[in-house]
Amino acid sequence: MLQVIIDTSEQRPWAFPAADFETRRKKLREGDYTLVGAVGRLSIERKSLGDFVGTVIHDWLRFRKELIRLSGYDVAAVVVEADIGDVIDHKYESDANPDSVLGKANGIYLDHGIPVLWWGKRPGVERMAARFLKLAAAKLGIE
């Protein structure tokens, strides 16, 4: 059974299948989700669409410092709870241009090697996160 660590700042943490995962809350330096035995090696940074837009447009310098630290991890990703079409259709409150938002998303990968994953709505995101963590655990040799 994998043990997921969820950052204490997460207000609406993802749910994981109880048959495969145990969860615990702990303050994490980077990211919002990791596994016991993988702190400092594995991280998922979760963002709602509005939070992602605000972070990459208005809080970029702080977020870039986190990305620099995450780039040293074996496995790291930024997961946005939205579809790419939500950006294109400007389904967020900021006046930020969709092309600027998408440019920042691409820059995160090109400059830091960390993919920005658009996993859609929450039920699908939770399912993808569970699969991602299982595969990452296998890659890192965590049981």
N, C-alpha and C. Protein backbone atom coordinates (compact mmCIF):
# COMPACT_ATOMS: atom_id res chain seq x y z
N MET A 1 0.85 -1.18 0.00
CA MET A 1 0.00 0.00 0.00
C MET A 1 0.89 1.24 0.00
N LEU A 2 0.64 2.16 -0.92
CA LEU A 2 1.42 3.39 -0.99
C LEU A 2 0.87 4.41 0.01
N GLN A 3 1.79 5.17 0.59
CA GLN A 3 1.42 6.20 1.55
C GLN A 3 1.65 7.57 0.93
N VAL A 4 0.57 8.28 0.68
CA VAL A 4 0.62 9.60 0.07
C VAL A 4 0.75 10.65 1.17
N ILE A 5 1.67 11.56 0.98
CA ILE A 5 1.78 12.72 1.86
C ILE A 5 1.14 13.90 1.13
N ILE A 6 0.18 14.53 1.80
CA ILE A 6 -0.53 15.68 1.26
C ILE A 6 -0.12 16.90 2.07
N ASP A 7 0.31 17.94 1.39
CA ASP A 7 0.74 19.15 2.08
C ASP A 7 -0.39 19.71 2.93
N THR A 8 -0.04 20.22 4.10
CA THR A 8 -1.05 20.75 5.03
C THR A 8 -1.77 21.97 4.48
N SER A 9 -1.21 22.64 3.49
CA SER A 9 -1.87 23.82 2.93
C SER A 9 -2.97 23.46 1.92
N GLU A 10 -3.06 22.20 1.51
CA GLU A 10 -4.09 21.78 0.57
C GLU A 10 -5.47 21.91 1.24
N GLN A 11 -6.33 22.73 0.65
CA GLN A 11 -7.65 22.96 1.23
C GLN A 11 -8.67 21.92 0.80
N ARG A 12 -8.53 21.41 -0.40
CA ARG A 12 -9.44 20.37 -0.90
C ARG A 12 -8.61 19.21 -1.47
N PRO A 13 -8.01 18.41 -0.58
CA PRO A 13 -7.10 17.36 -1.08
C PRO A 13 -7.82 16.32 -1.94
N TRP A 14 -7.04 15.78 -2.87
CA TRP A 14 -7.57 14.71 -3.71
C TRP A 14 -7.88 13.49 -2.87
N ALA A 15 -8.84 12.71 -3.34
CA ALA A 15 -9.17 11.42 -2.73
C ALA A 15 -8.44 10.32 -3.50
N PHE A 16 -7.93 9.35 -2.77
CA PHE A 16 -7.24 8.22 -3.37
C PHE A 16 -7.93 6.93 -2.95
N PRO A 17 -7.96 5.91 -3.82
CA PRO A 17 -8.61 4.65 -3.46
C PRO A 17 -8.00 4.04 -2.20
N ALA A 18 -8.84 3.82 -1.20
CA ALA A 18 -8.38 3.30 0.10
C ALA A 18 -7.74 1.92 -0.03
N ALA A 19 -8.10 1.16 -1.05
CA ALA A 19 -7.52 -0.18 -1.21
C ALA A 19 -6.04 -0.11 -1.59
N ASP A 20 -5.62 1.00 -2.19
CA ASP A 20 -4.25 1.10 -2.69
C ASP A 20 -3.41 2.16 -1.99
N PHE A 21 -4.06 3.10 -1.29
CA PHE A 21 -3.34 4.25 -0.73
C PHE A 21 -3.79 4.55 0.69
N GLU A 22 -2.83 5.00 1.49
CA GLU A 22 -3.11 5.64 2.76
C GLU A 22 -2.66 7.08 2.59
N THR A 23 -3.32 8.00 3.27
CA THR A 23 -2.91 9.40 3.17
C THR A 23 -2.59 9.96 4.55
N ARG A 24 -1.69 10.93 4.54
CA ARG A 24 -1.37 11.65 5.76
C ARG A 24 -1.05 13.09 5.38
N ARG A 25 -1.23 13.98 6.32
CA ARG A 25 -0.95 15.41 6.09
C ARG A 25 0.39 15.77 6.72
N LYS A 26 1.17 16.55 5.98
CA LYS A 26 2.46 17.00 6.47
C LYS A 26 2.87 18.22 5.66
N LYS A 27 3.56 19.15 6.27
CA LYS A 27 4.06 20.32 5.55
C LYS A 27 5.16 19.88 4.59
N LEU A 28 4.99 20.24 3.32
CA LEU A 28 5.99 19.92 2.30
C LEU A 28 6.67 21.21 1.84
N ARG A 29 7.96 21.15 1.60
CA ARG A 29 8.69 22.34 1.14
C ARG A 29 8.28 22.71 -0.28
N GLU A 30 8.16 21.70 -1.13
CA GLU A 30 7.74 21.91 -2.51
C GLU A 30 6.58 20.99 -2.82
N GLY A 31 5.68 21.48 -3.65
CA GLY A 31 4.59 20.66 -4.14
C GLY A 31 3.52 20.39 -3.11
N ASP A 32 2.54 19.63 -3.54
CA ASP A 32 1.37 19.34 -2.72
C ASP A 32 1.19 17.86 -2.41
N TYR A 33 1.78 16.99 -3.23
CA TYR A 33 1.63 15.54 -3.05
C TYR A 33 2.96 14.87 -3.30
N THR A 34 3.27 13.89 -2.46
CA THR A 34 4.43 13.03 -2.65
C THR A 34 4.12 11.70 -1.98
N LEU A 35 5.08 10.84 -1.92
CA LEU A 35 4.92 9.54 -1.26
C LEU A 35 5.92 9.41 -0.12
N VAL A 36 5.55 8.66 0.91
CA VAL A 36 6.51 8.31 1.95
C VAL A 36 7.66 7.58 1.27
N GLY A 37 8.86 7.98 1.57
CA GLY A 37 10.04 7.39 0.93
C GLY A 37 10.47 8.12 -0.32
N ALA A 38 9.70 9.14 -0.73
CA ALA A 38 10.04 9.87 -1.95
C ALA A 38 10.09 11.39 -1.74
N VAL A 39 10.09 11.83 -0.49
CA VAL A 39 10.19 13.26 -0.23
C VAL A 39 11.52 13.76 -0.78
N GLY A 40 11.48 14.82 -1.55
CA GLY A 40 12.68 15.34 -2.18
C GLY A 40 13.03 14.67 -3.50
N ARG A 41 12.22 13.66 -3.89
CA ARG A 41 12.45 12.96 -5.16
C ARG A 41 11.23 12.99 -6.07
N LEU A 42 10.04 13.12 -5.49
CA LEU A 42 8.78 13.04 -6.23
C LEU A 42 7.85 14.12 -5.73
N SER A 43 7.23 14.87 -6.65
CA SER A 43 6.30 15.90 -6.24
C SER A 43 5.28 16.19 -7.34
N ILE A 44 4.05 16.37 -6.90
CA ILE A 44 3.00 16.91 -7.78
C ILE A 44 2.56 18.23 -7.17
N GLU A 45 2.62 19.27 -7.97
CA GLU A 45 2.11 20.58 -7.58
C GLU A 45 0.72 20.72 -8.21
N ARG A 46 -0.33 20.82 -7.38
CA ARG A 46 -1.71 20.91 -7.87
C ARG A 46 -2.11 22.37 -7.98
N LYS A 47 -2.78 22.68 -9.09
CA LYS A 47 -3.29 24.04 -9.30
C LYS A 47 -4.69 23.99 -9.89
N SER A 48 -5.57 24.80 -9.35
CA SER A 48 -6.83 25.07 -10.06
C SER A 48 -6.46 25.98 -11.23
N LEU A 49 -7.35 26.15 -12.17
CA LEU A 49 -7.04 27.00 -13.32
C LEU A 49 -6.77 28.43 -12.87
N GLY A 50 -7.63 28.97 -12.01
CA GLY A 50 -7.43 30.35 -11.55
C GLY A 50 -6.13 30.52 -10.80
N ASP A 51 -5.78 29.54 -9.98
CA ASP A 51 -4.54 29.59 -9.23
C ASP A 51 -3.34 29.50 -10.17
N PHE A 52 -3.42 28.63 -11.17
CA PHE A 52 -2.31 28.51 -12.13
C PHE A 52 -2.09 29.84 -12.84
N VAL A 53 -3.18 30.43 -13.35
CA VAL A 53 -3.06 31.70 -14.07
C VAL A 53 -2.47 32.77 -13.15
N GLY A 54 -3.01 32.90 -11.95
CA GLY A 54 -2.50 33.90 -11.03
C GLY A 54 -1.04 33.70 -10.68
N THR A 55 -0.66 32.46 -10.52
CA THR A 55 0.72 32.13 -10.15
C THR A 55 1.69 32.44 -11.28
N VAL A 56 1.39 32.01 -12.49
CA VAL A 56 2.35 32.20 -13.59
C VAL A 56 2.37 33.63 -14.11
N ILE A 57 1.30 34.38 -13.88
CA ILE A 57 1.25 35.76 -14.37
C ILE A 57 1.66 36.75 -13.27
N HIS A 58 1.15 36.59 -12.06
CA HIS A 58 1.35 37.61 -11.02
C HIS A 58 2.31 37.20 -9.90
N ASP A 59 2.60 35.92 -9.77
CA ASP A 59 3.46 35.45 -8.68
C ASP A 59 4.61 34.62 -9.24
N TRP A 60 5.06 34.99 -10.42
CA TRP A 60 6.02 34.19 -11.16
C TRP A 60 7.36 34.05 -10.44
N LEU A 61 7.89 35.11 -9.85
CA LEU A 61 9.22 35.03 -9.23
C LEU A 61 9.24 34.02 -8.09
N ARG A 62 8.22 34.03 -7.24
CA ARG A 62 8.15 33.06 -6.15
C ARG A 62 8.02 31.64 -6.70
N PHE A 63 7.11 31.47 -7.69
CA PHE A 63 6.86 30.14 -8.24
C PHE A 63 8.10 29.62 -8.97
N ARG A 64 8.83 30.50 -9.63
CA ARG A 64 10.04 30.08 -10.35
C ARG A 64 11.07 29.49 -9.39
N LYS A 65 11.18 30.06 -8.19
CA LYS A 65 12.10 29.51 -7.18
C LYS A 65 11.70 28.08 -6.81
N GLU A 66 10.39 27.86 -6.69
CA GLU A 66 9.91 26.50 -6.39
C GLU A 66 10.22 25.56 -7.56
N LEU A 67 10.01 26.03 -8.78
CA LEU A 67 10.30 25.22 -9.97
C LEU A 67 11.78 24.86 -10.05
N ILE A 68 12.65 25.79 -9.68
CA ILE A 68 14.08 25.51 -9.70
C ILE A 68 14.39 24.37 -8.73
N ARG A 69 13.79 24.40 -7.54
CA ARG A 69 14.00 23.31 -6.59
C ARG A 69 13.41 22.00 -7.12
N LEU A 70 12.20 22.07 -7.68
CA LEU A 70 11.55 20.86 -8.20
C LEU A 70 12.31 20.26 -9.38
N SER A 71 13.03 21.08 -10.12
CA SER A 71 13.76 20.55 -11.28
C SER A 71 14.86 19.57 -10.87
N GLY A 72 15.24 19.58 -9.60
CA GLY A 72 16.21 18.62 -9.11
C GLY A 72 15.61 17.30 -8.67
N TYR A 73 14.30 17.19 -8.70
CA TYR A 73 13.61 15.95 -8.31
C TYR A 73 13.72 14.93 -9.43
N ASP A 74 13.59 13.67 -9.07
CA ASP A 74 13.54 12.61 -10.08
C ASP A 74 12.25 12.69 -10.90
N VAL A 75 11.14 12.98 -10.22
CA VAL A 75 9.83 13.07 -10.87
C VAL A 75 9.10 14.26 -10.29
N ALA A 76 8.69 15.19 -11.16
CA ALA A 76 7.91 16.35 -10.72
C ALA A 76 6.97 16.76 -11.83
N ALA A 77 5.81 17.24 -11.44
CA ALA A 77 4.83 17.70 -12.43
C ALA A 77 3.95 18.77 -11.78
N VAL A 78 3.46 19.66 -12.62
CA VAL A 78 2.42 20.60 -12.23
C VAL A 78 1.14 20.09 -12.87
N VAL A 79 0.14 19.83 -12.04
CA VAL A 79 -1.14 19.34 -12.54
C VAL A 79 -2.17 20.44 -12.40
N VAL A 80 -2.80 20.79 -13.51
CA VAL A 80 -3.85 21.81 -13.51
C VAL A 80 -5.19 21.11 -13.62
N GLU A 81 -6.10 21.45 -12.70
CA GLU A 81 -7.45 20.89 -12.73
C GLU A 81 -8.29 21.67 -13.73
N ALA A 82 -8.00 21.46 -15.00
CA ALA A 82 -8.71 22.13 -16.10
C ALA A 82 -8.28 21.47 -17.41
N ASP A 83 -9.03 21.75 -18.44
CA ASP A 83 -8.66 21.33 -19.78
C ASP A 83 -7.95 22.48 -20.47
N ILE A 84 -7.09 22.19 -21.41
CA ILE A 84 -6.40 23.23 -22.16
C ILE A 84 -7.39 24.17 -22.84
N GLY A 85 -8.55 23.62 -23.24
CA GLY A 85 -9.59 24.45 -23.85
C GLY A 85 -10.12 25.50 -22.91
N ASP A 86 -10.05 25.25 -21.59
CA ASP A 86 -10.49 26.24 -20.61
C ASP A 86 -9.59 27.48 -20.65
N VAL A 87 -8.33 27.30 -20.96
CA VAL A 87 -7.42 28.43 -21.11
C VAL A 87 -7.73 29.16 -22.42
N ILE A 88 -7.82 28.39 -23.49
CA ILE A 88 -8.08 28.98 -24.80
C ILE A 88 -9.38 29.77 -24.79
N ASP A 89 -10.40 29.24 -24.11
CA ASP A 89 -11.70 29.92 -24.03
C ASP A 89 -11.77 30.96 -22.92
N HIS A 90 -10.65 31.22 -22.27
CA HIS A 90 -10.53 32.25 -21.23
C HIS A 90 -11.54 32.03 -20.10
N LYS A 91 -11.61 30.81 -19.59
CA LYS A 91 -12.54 30.47 -18.51
C LYS A 91 -11.90 30.67 -17.15
N TYR A 92 -11.32 31.83 -16.96
CA TYR A 92 -10.72 32.22 -15.69
C TYR A 92 -10.94 33.72 -15.53
N GLU A 93 -10.82 34.20 -14.30
CA GLU A 93 -11.20 35.59 -13.99
C GLU A 93 -10.14 36.62 -14.34
N SER A 94 -8.91 36.25 -14.44
CA SER A 94 -7.83 37.18 -14.74
C SER A 94 -7.97 37.74 -16.16
N ASP A 95 -7.41 38.92 -16.36
CA ASP A 95 -7.39 39.48 -17.72
C ASP A 95 -6.18 39.01 -18.52
N ALA A 96 -5.43 38.05 -17.96
CA ALA A 96 -4.25 37.52 -18.64
C ALA A 96 -4.63 36.89 -19.98
N ASN A 97 -3.85 37.18 -20.98
CA ASN A 97 -4.07 36.65 -22.32
C ASN A 97 -3.84 35.14 -22.31
N PRO A 98 -4.75 34.37 -22.90
CA PRO A 98 -4.56 32.91 -22.95
C PRO A 98 -3.21 32.49 -23.55
N ASP A 99 -2.75 33.21 -24.57
CA ASP A 99 -1.45 32.86 -25.17
C ASP A 99 -0.31 33.06 -24.17
N SER A 100 -0.42 34.05 -23.29
CA SER A 100 0.60 34.26 -22.25
C SER A 100 0.58 33.11 -21.25
N VAL A 101 -0.61 32.68 -20.86
CA VAL A 101 -0.75 31.58 -19.91
C VAL A 101 -0.16 30.31 -20.51
N LEU A 102 -0.51 30.01 -21.76
CA LEU A 102 0.01 28.81 -22.41
C LEU A 102 1.52 28.91 -22.64
N GLY A 103 2.00 30.12 -22.92
CA GLY A 103 3.44 30.33 -23.06
C GLY A 103 4.18 30.02 -21.77
N LYS A 104 3.61 30.45 -20.64
CA LYS A 104 4.23 30.15 -19.35
C LYS A 104 4.22 28.64 -19.09
N ALA A 105 3.12 27.98 -19.44
CA ALA A 105 3.04 26.53 -19.25
C ALA A 105 4.13 25.83 -20.06
N ASN A 106 4.30 26.24 -21.29
CA ASN A 106 5.36 25.66 -22.12
C ASN A 106 6.74 26.00 -21.56
N GLY A 107 6.90 27.22 -21.08
CA GLY A 107 8.18 27.63 -20.51
C GLY A 107 8.57 26.84 -19.28
N ILE A 108 7.57 26.45 -18.48
CA ILE A 108 7.86 25.64 -17.30
C ILE A 108 8.55 24.34 -17.72
N TYR A 109 8.06 23.74 -18.77
CA TYR A 109 8.69 22.51 -19.25
C TYR A 109 10.04 22.81 -19.94
N LEU A 110 10.05 23.78 -20.82
CA LEU A 110 11.27 24.05 -21.58
C LEU A 110 12.41 24.57 -20.71
N ASP A 111 12.09 25.39 -19.70
CA ASP A 111 13.12 25.96 -18.85
C ASP A 111 13.48 25.10 -17.64
N HIS A 112 12.52 24.30 -17.16
CA HIS A 112 12.75 23.57 -15.92
C HIS A 112 12.58 22.05 -16.05
N GLY A 113 12.10 21.59 -17.21
CA GLY A 113 11.92 20.16 -17.42
C GLY A 113 10.76 19.56 -16.65
N ILE A 114 9.83 20.41 -16.21
CA ILE A 114 8.69 19.95 -15.43
C ILE A 114 7.43 20.10 -16.29
N PRO A 115 6.76 19.00 -16.60
CA PRO A 115 5.56 19.11 -17.44
C PRO A 115 4.40 19.75 -16.69
N VAL A 116 3.61 20.50 -17.44
CA VAL A 116 2.33 21.00 -16.94
C VAL A 116 1.28 20.10 -17.56
N LEU A 117 0.56 19.37 -16.72
CA LEU A 117 -0.40 18.37 -17.17
C LEU A 117 -1.81 18.90 -16.98
N TRP A 118 -2.57 18.93 -18.05
CA TRP A 118 -3.95 19.42 -18.05
C TRP A 118 -4.86 18.19 -17.96
N TRP A 119 -5.19 17.79 -16.73
CA TRP A 119 -5.90 16.53 -16.52
C TRP A 119 -7.41 16.70 -16.41
N GLY A 120 -7.95 17.87 -16.66
CA GLY A 120 -9.40 18.05 -16.70
C GLY A 120 -10.02 18.24 -15.34
N LYS A 121 -11.25 17.78 -15.23
CA LYS A 121 -12.04 17.96 -14.01
C LYS A 121 -11.59 17.01 -12.91
N ARG A 122 -11.97 17.33 -11.69
CA ARG A 122 -11.48 16.65 -10.49
C ARG A 122 -11.59 15.13 -10.49
N PRO A 123 -12.70 14.51 -10.85
CA PRO A 123 -12.73 13.03 -10.82
C PRO A 123 -11.66 12.40 -11.70
N GLY A 124 -11.47 12.94 -12.88
CA GLY A 124 -10.42 12.43 -13.76
C GLY A 124 -9.04 12.73 -13.22
N VAL A 125 -8.89 13.89 -12.62
CA VAL A 125 -7.60 14.27 -12.04
C VAL A 125 -7.22 13.29 -10.93
N GLU A 126 -8.16 12.98 -10.06
CA GLU A 126 -7.87 12.05 -8.96
C GLU A 126 -7.47 10.68 -9.49
N ARG A 127 -8.14 10.23 -10.51
CA ARG A 127 -7.81 8.93 -11.11
C ARG A 127 -6.41 8.96 -11.73
N MET A 128 -6.13 10.04 -12.46
CA MET A 128 -4.80 10.18 -13.08
C MET A 128 -3.71 10.30 -12.03
N ALA A 129 -3.98 11.03 -10.95
CA ALA A 129 -2.98 11.19 -9.90
C ALA A 129 -2.65 9.85 -9.26
N ALA A 130 -3.66 9.04 -9.00
CA ALA A 130 -3.42 7.71 -8.43
C ALA A 130 -2.54 6.88 -9.36
N ARG A 131 -2.86 6.87 -10.64
CA ARG A 131 -2.06 6.11 -11.62
C ARG A 131 -0.64 6.66 -11.69
N PHE A 132 -0.52 7.98 -11.74
CA PHE A 132 0.78 8.64 -11.81
C PHE A 132 1.65 8.25 -10.62
N LEU A 133 1.07 8.31 -9.42
CA LEU A 133 1.85 7.99 -8.22
C LEU A 133 2.26 6.52 -8.19
N LYS A 134 1.39 5.63 -8.64
CA LYS A 134 1.76 4.21 -8.71
C LYS A 134 2.93 3.99 -9.67
N LEU A 135 2.85 4.60 -10.84
CA LEU A 135 3.93 4.46 -11.83
C LEU A 135 5.23 5.11 -11.33
N ALA A 136 5.11 6.27 -10.70
CA ALA A 136 6.29 6.95 -10.17
C ALA A 136 6.93 6.12 -9.07
N ALA A 137 6.09 5.52 -8.22
CA ALA A 137 6.63 4.67 -7.13
C ALA A 137 7.42 3.51 -7.72
N ALA A 138 6.88 2.88 -8.76
CA ALA A 138 7.59 1.77 -9.40
C ALA A 138 8.91 2.25 -10.00
N LYS A 139 8.89 3.40 -10.64
CA LYS A 139 10.11 3.95 -11.25
C LYS A 139 11.16 4.23 -10.19
N LEU A 140 10.74 4.70 -9.02
CA LEU A 140 11.66 5.07 -7.96
C LEU A 140 11.98 3.92 -7.00
N GLY A 141 11.34 2.76 -7.22
CA GLY A 141 11.59 1.61 -6.37
C GLY A 141 10.98 1.72 -4.98
N ILE A 142 9.84 2.38 -4.90
CA ILE A 142 9.14 2.56 -3.61
C ILE A 142 7.98 1.59 -3.55
N GLU A 143 7.86 0.91 -2.42
CA GLU A 143 6.77 -0.06 -2.27
C GLU A 143 5.78 0.40 -1.23
